[in-house]
C-alpha atoms as a PDB file:
ATOM      1  CA  MET A   1     -11.393  14.121   8.342  1.00  0.00           C
ATOM      2  CA  SER A   2     -13.235  16.836  10.260  1.00  0.00           C
ATOM      3  CA  GLN A   3     -17.335  16.717  11.631  1.00  0.00           C
ATOM      4  CA  GLY A   4     -17.805  20.021   9.999  1.00  0.00           C
ATOM      5  CA  SER A   5     -16.082  19.520   6.536  1.00  0.00           C
ATOM      6  CA  GLU A   6     -18.541  17.822   4.999  1.00  0.00           C
ATOM      7  CA  PRO A   7     -21.982  19.207   4.878  1.00  0.00           C
ATOM      8  CA  THR A   8     -25.051  17.007   5.795  1.00  0.00           C
ATOM      9  CA  ASN A   9     -26.700  15.240   3.110  1.00  0.00           C
ATOM     10  CA  LEU A  10     -30.208  15.539   4.748  1.00  0.00           C
ATOM     11  CA  GLY A  11     -32.836  12.494   3.620  1.00  0.00           C
ATOM     12  CA  ALA A  12     -30.591  10.837   1.638  1.00  0.00           C
ATOM     13  CA  PRO A  13     -27.134   8.394   2.596  1.00  0.00           C
ATOM     14  CA  ARG A  14     -24.111  10.536   2.459  1.00  0.00           C
ATOM     15  CA  VAL A  15     -22.112   9.354  -0.603  1.00  0.00           C
ATOM     16  CA  CYS A  16     -19.038   8.146   1.262  1.00  0.00           C
ATOM     17  CA  SER A  17     -15.521   6.603  -0.245  1.00  0.00           C
ATOM     18  CA  ILE A  18     -15.487   4.780   2.732  1.00  0.00           C
ATOM     19  CA  ALA A  19     -18.206   3.363   2.578  1.00  0.00           C
ATOM     20  CA  ASP A  20     -17.645   2.093  -1.260  1.00  0.00           C
ATOM     21  CA  ALA A  21     -14.514   0.610  -0.126  1.00  0.00           C
ATOM     22  CA  LEU A  22     -16.074  -0.854   2.535  1.00  0.00           C
ATOM     23  CA  GLY A  23     -17.995  -2.859   0.058  1.00  0.00           C
ATOM     24  CA  VAL A  24     -15.169  -4.254  -1.232  1.00  0.00           C
ATOM     25  CA  VAL A  25     -12.853  -5.077   1.545  1.00  0.00           C
ATOM     26  CA  GLY A  26     -15.082  -5.054   4.475  1.00  0.00           C
ATOM     27  CA  GLU A  27     -15.649  -8.136   5.737  1.00  0.00           C
ATOM     28  CA  ARG A  28     -13.910  -9.700   8.272  1.00  0.00           C
ATOM     29  CA  TRP A  29     -12.750 -13.219   6.034  1.00  0.00           C
ATOM     30  CA  THR A  30     -11.216 -10.489   2.973  1.00  0.00           C
ATOM     31  CA  LEU A  31      -9.482  -8.363   5.675  1.00  0.00           C
ATOM     32  CA  LEU A  32      -7.392 -11.535   6.802  1.00  0.00           C
ATOM     33  CA  VAL A  33      -7.309 -12.718   3.285  1.00  0.00           C
ATOM     34  CA  LEU A  34      -5.628  -9.472   1.825  1.00  0.00           C
ATOM     35  CA  ARG A  35      -3.238  -9.378   5.589  1.00  0.00           C
ATOM     36  CA  GLU A  36      -2.081 -12.991   4.116  1.00  0.00           C
ATOM     37  CA  LEU A  37      -1.218 -11.642   0.660  1.00  0.00           C
ATOM     38  CA  GLY A  38       0.224  -8.407   2.375  1.00  0.00           C
ATOM     39  CA  PHE A  39       2.754 -11.232   4.396  1.00  0.00           C
ATOM     40  CA  GLY A  40       3.430 -13.271   1.055  1.00  0.00           C
ATOM     41  CA  VAL A  41       1.285 -16.020   1.460  1.00  0.00           C
ATOM     42  CA  HIS A  42      -0.377 -16.727  -1.976  1.00  0.00           C
ATOM     43  CA  ARG A  43      -1.488 -20.554  -1.998  1.00  0.00           C
ATOM     44  CA  PHE A  44      -5.170 -21.352  -1.126  1.00  0.00           C
ATOM     45  CA  ASN A  45      -4.043 -23.836   1.440  1.00  0.00           C
ATOM     46  CA  ASP A  46      -1.817 -21.302   2.977  1.00  0.00           C
ATOM     47  CA  ILE A  47      -4.082 -18.847   3.253  1.00  0.00           C
ATOM     48  CA  GLN A  48      -7.135 -20.738   4.689  1.00  0.00           C
ATOM     49  CA  THR A  49      -4.506 -22.141   7.491  1.00  0.00           C
ATOM     50  CA  ASN A  50      -3.535 -18.812   8.791  1.00  0.00           C
ATOM     51  CA  THR A  51      -6.917 -17.393   8.485  1.00  0.00           C
ATOM     52  CA  GLY A  52      -8.827 -20.341   9.056  1.00  0.00           C
ATOM     53  CA  ALA A  53     -11.552 -19.316   6.917  1.00  0.00           C
ATOM     54  CA  PRO A  54     -13.669 -22.163   5.745  1.00  0.00           C
ATOM     55  CA  ARG A  55     -12.889 -23.730   2.484  1.00  0.00           C
ATOM     56  CA  GLU A  56     -16.375 -22.148   0.535  1.00  0.00           C
ATOM     57  CA  THR A  57     -15.967 -18.916   1.971  1.00  0.00           C
ATOM     58  CA  LEU A  58     -12.220 -18.450   1.061  1.00  0.00           C
ATOM     59  CA  ALA A  59     -13.218 -18.878  -2.454  1.00  0.00           C
ATOM     60  CA  LEU A  60     -15.770 -16.752  -2.369  1.00  0.00           C
ATOM     61  CA  ARG A  61     -13.663 -13.685  -1.043  1.00  0.00           C
ATOM     62  CA  LEU A  62     -10.846 -14.649  -3.164  1.00  0.00           C
ATOM     63  CA  ARG A  63     -13.366 -14.677  -6.033  1.00  0.00           C
ATOM     64  CA  LYS A  64     -15.048 -10.820  -4.773  1.00  0.00           C
ATOM     65  CA  LEU A  65     -11.551  -9.633  -4.603  1.00  0.00           C
ATOM     66  CA  GLU A  66     -10.514 -10.892  -7.967  1.00  0.00           C
ATOM     67  CA  GLU A  67     -13.491  -9.637 -10.075  1.00  0.00           C
ATOM     68  CA  ALA A  68     -12.921  -6.032  -7.965  1.00  0.00           C
ATOM     69  CA  GLY A  69      -9.608  -5.954  -9.602  1.00  0.00           C
ATOM     70  CA  VAL A  70      -7.577  -5.772  -5.527  1.00  0.00           C
ATOM     71  CA  VAL A  71      -6.608  -9.564  -6.345  1.00  0.00           C
ATOM     72  CA  GLU A  72      -5.377 -11.631  -9.294  1.00  0.00           C
ATOM     73  CA  ARG A  73      -5.359 -15.595  -9.802  1.00  0.00           C
ATOM     74  CA  ARG A  74      -1.978 -16.865 -11.345  1.00  0.00           C
ATOM     75  CA  ARG A  75      -2.028 -20.628 -12.148  1.00  0.00           C
ATOM     76  CA  TYR A  76       1.231 -22.530 -10.912  1.00  0.00           C
ATOM     77  CA  SER A  77       1.013 -25.936 -11.555  1.00  0.00           C
ATOM     78  CA  GLU A  78      -0.960 -27.226 -14.727  1.00  0.00           C
ATOM     79  CA  HIS A  79      -1.508 -31.087 -13.096  1.00  0.00           C
ATOM     80  CA  PRO A  80      -2.929 -30.859 -10.636  1.00  0.00           C
ATOM     81  CA  PRO A  81      -4.338 -27.775 -11.086  1.00  0.00           C
ATOM     82  CA  ARG A  82      -3.209 -25.025  -8.814  1.00  0.00           C
ATOM     83  CA  ASP A  83      -3.521 -21.055  -8.665  1.00  0.00           C
ATOM     84  CA  GLU A  84      -1.896 -18.416  -6.550  1.00  0.00           C
ATOM     85  CA  TYR A  85      -3.008 -14.941  -5.819  1.00  0.00           C
ATOM     86  CA  LEU A  86      -1.280 -11.739  -5.802  1.00  0.00           C
ATOM     87  CA  LEU A  87      -2.075  -8.360  -4.641  1.00  0.00           C
ATOM     88  CA  THR A  88      -2.699  -6.040  -7.829  1.00  0.00           C
ATOM     89  CA  GLN A  89      -1.594  -2.548  -7.479  1.00  0.00           C
ATOM     90  CA  ALA A  90      -4.751  -1.668  -5.881  1.00  0.00           C
ATOM     91  CA  GLY A  91      -4.247  -4.498  -3.659  1.00  0.00           C
ATOM     92  CA  LYS A  92      -0.558  -3.163  -3.120  1.00  0.00           C
ATOM     93  CA  ASP A  93      -2.193  -0.198  -2.105  1.00  0.00           C
ATOM     94  CA  ILE A  94      -4.055  -1.498   0.421  1.00  0.00           C
ATOM     95  CA  VAL A  95      -1.503  -3.040   2.622  1.00  0.00           C
ATOM     96  CA  PRO A  96      -0.213   0.703   4.750  1.00  0.00           C
ATOM     97  CA  VAL A  97      -4.360   0.847   5.505  1.00  0.00           C
ATOM     98  CA  LEU A  98      -4.176  -2.546   6.920  1.00  0.00           C
ATOM     99  CA  ALA A  99      -0.894  -1.394   8.680  1.00  0.00           C
ATOM    100  CA  ALA A 100      -2.390   1.086  10.367  1.00  0.00           C
ATOM    101  CA  LEU A 101      -5.802  -1.290  11.349  1.00  0.00           C
ATOM    102  CA  ARG A 102      -3.091  -3.392  12.881  1.00  0.00           C
ATOM    103  CA  GLU A 103      -1.483  -0.839  14.926  1.00  0.00           C
ATOM    104  CA  TRP A 104      -5.027   0.463  15.716  1.00  0.00           C
ATOM    105  CA  GLY A 105      -5.605  -2.575  17.299  1.00  0.00           C
ATOM    106  CA  GLU A 106      -2.751  -3.442  19.232  1.00  0.00           C
ATOM    107  CA  THR A 107      -3.037  -0.273  21.027  1.00  0.00           C
ATOM    108  CA  HIS A 108      -6.691  -0.531  21.916  1.00  0.00           C
ATOM    109  CA  VAL A 109      -8.194  -3.784  21.062  1.00  0.00           C
ATOM    110  CA  THR A 110      -5.243  -6.291  21.941  1.00  0.00           C
ATOM    111  CA  PRO A 111      -3.994  -5.444  25.271  1.00  0.00           C
ATOM    112  CA  LEU A 112      -7.862  -5.074  26.278  1.00  0.00           C
ATOM    113  CA  THR A 113      -8.227  -8.610  25.225  1.00  0.00           C
ATOM    114  CA  ARG A 114      -5.223  -9.831  26.797  1.00  0.00           C
ATOM    115  CA  ALA A 115      -6.134  -8.363  30.463  1.00  0.00           C
ATOM    116  CA  SER A 116      -9.340  -9.760  30.798  1.00  0.00           C
END
């Protein structure tokens, strides 16, 4: 991605797949949910514990990811009714992006945070 590869779209926002992707996965809790699913954590309470997300926020993010086709909900208990969440192919395809973001954070952000 270079500055000169896309012409400037004067007078209107640039059409951009990055912006579109961020509309689906660009919220903090959403990225942390995807991190947990990528680590193999599938149950709501475990995802909540590992992310620290408020219950309502987590439920909303999971619902949004399901509607976007990034996660799939699967019932694992009928009594009481309990679901687990799994990455679809679209969700699995974002795992390397999260790994790259993690590596970037470890290189450029986390050391700075720990040094203060």
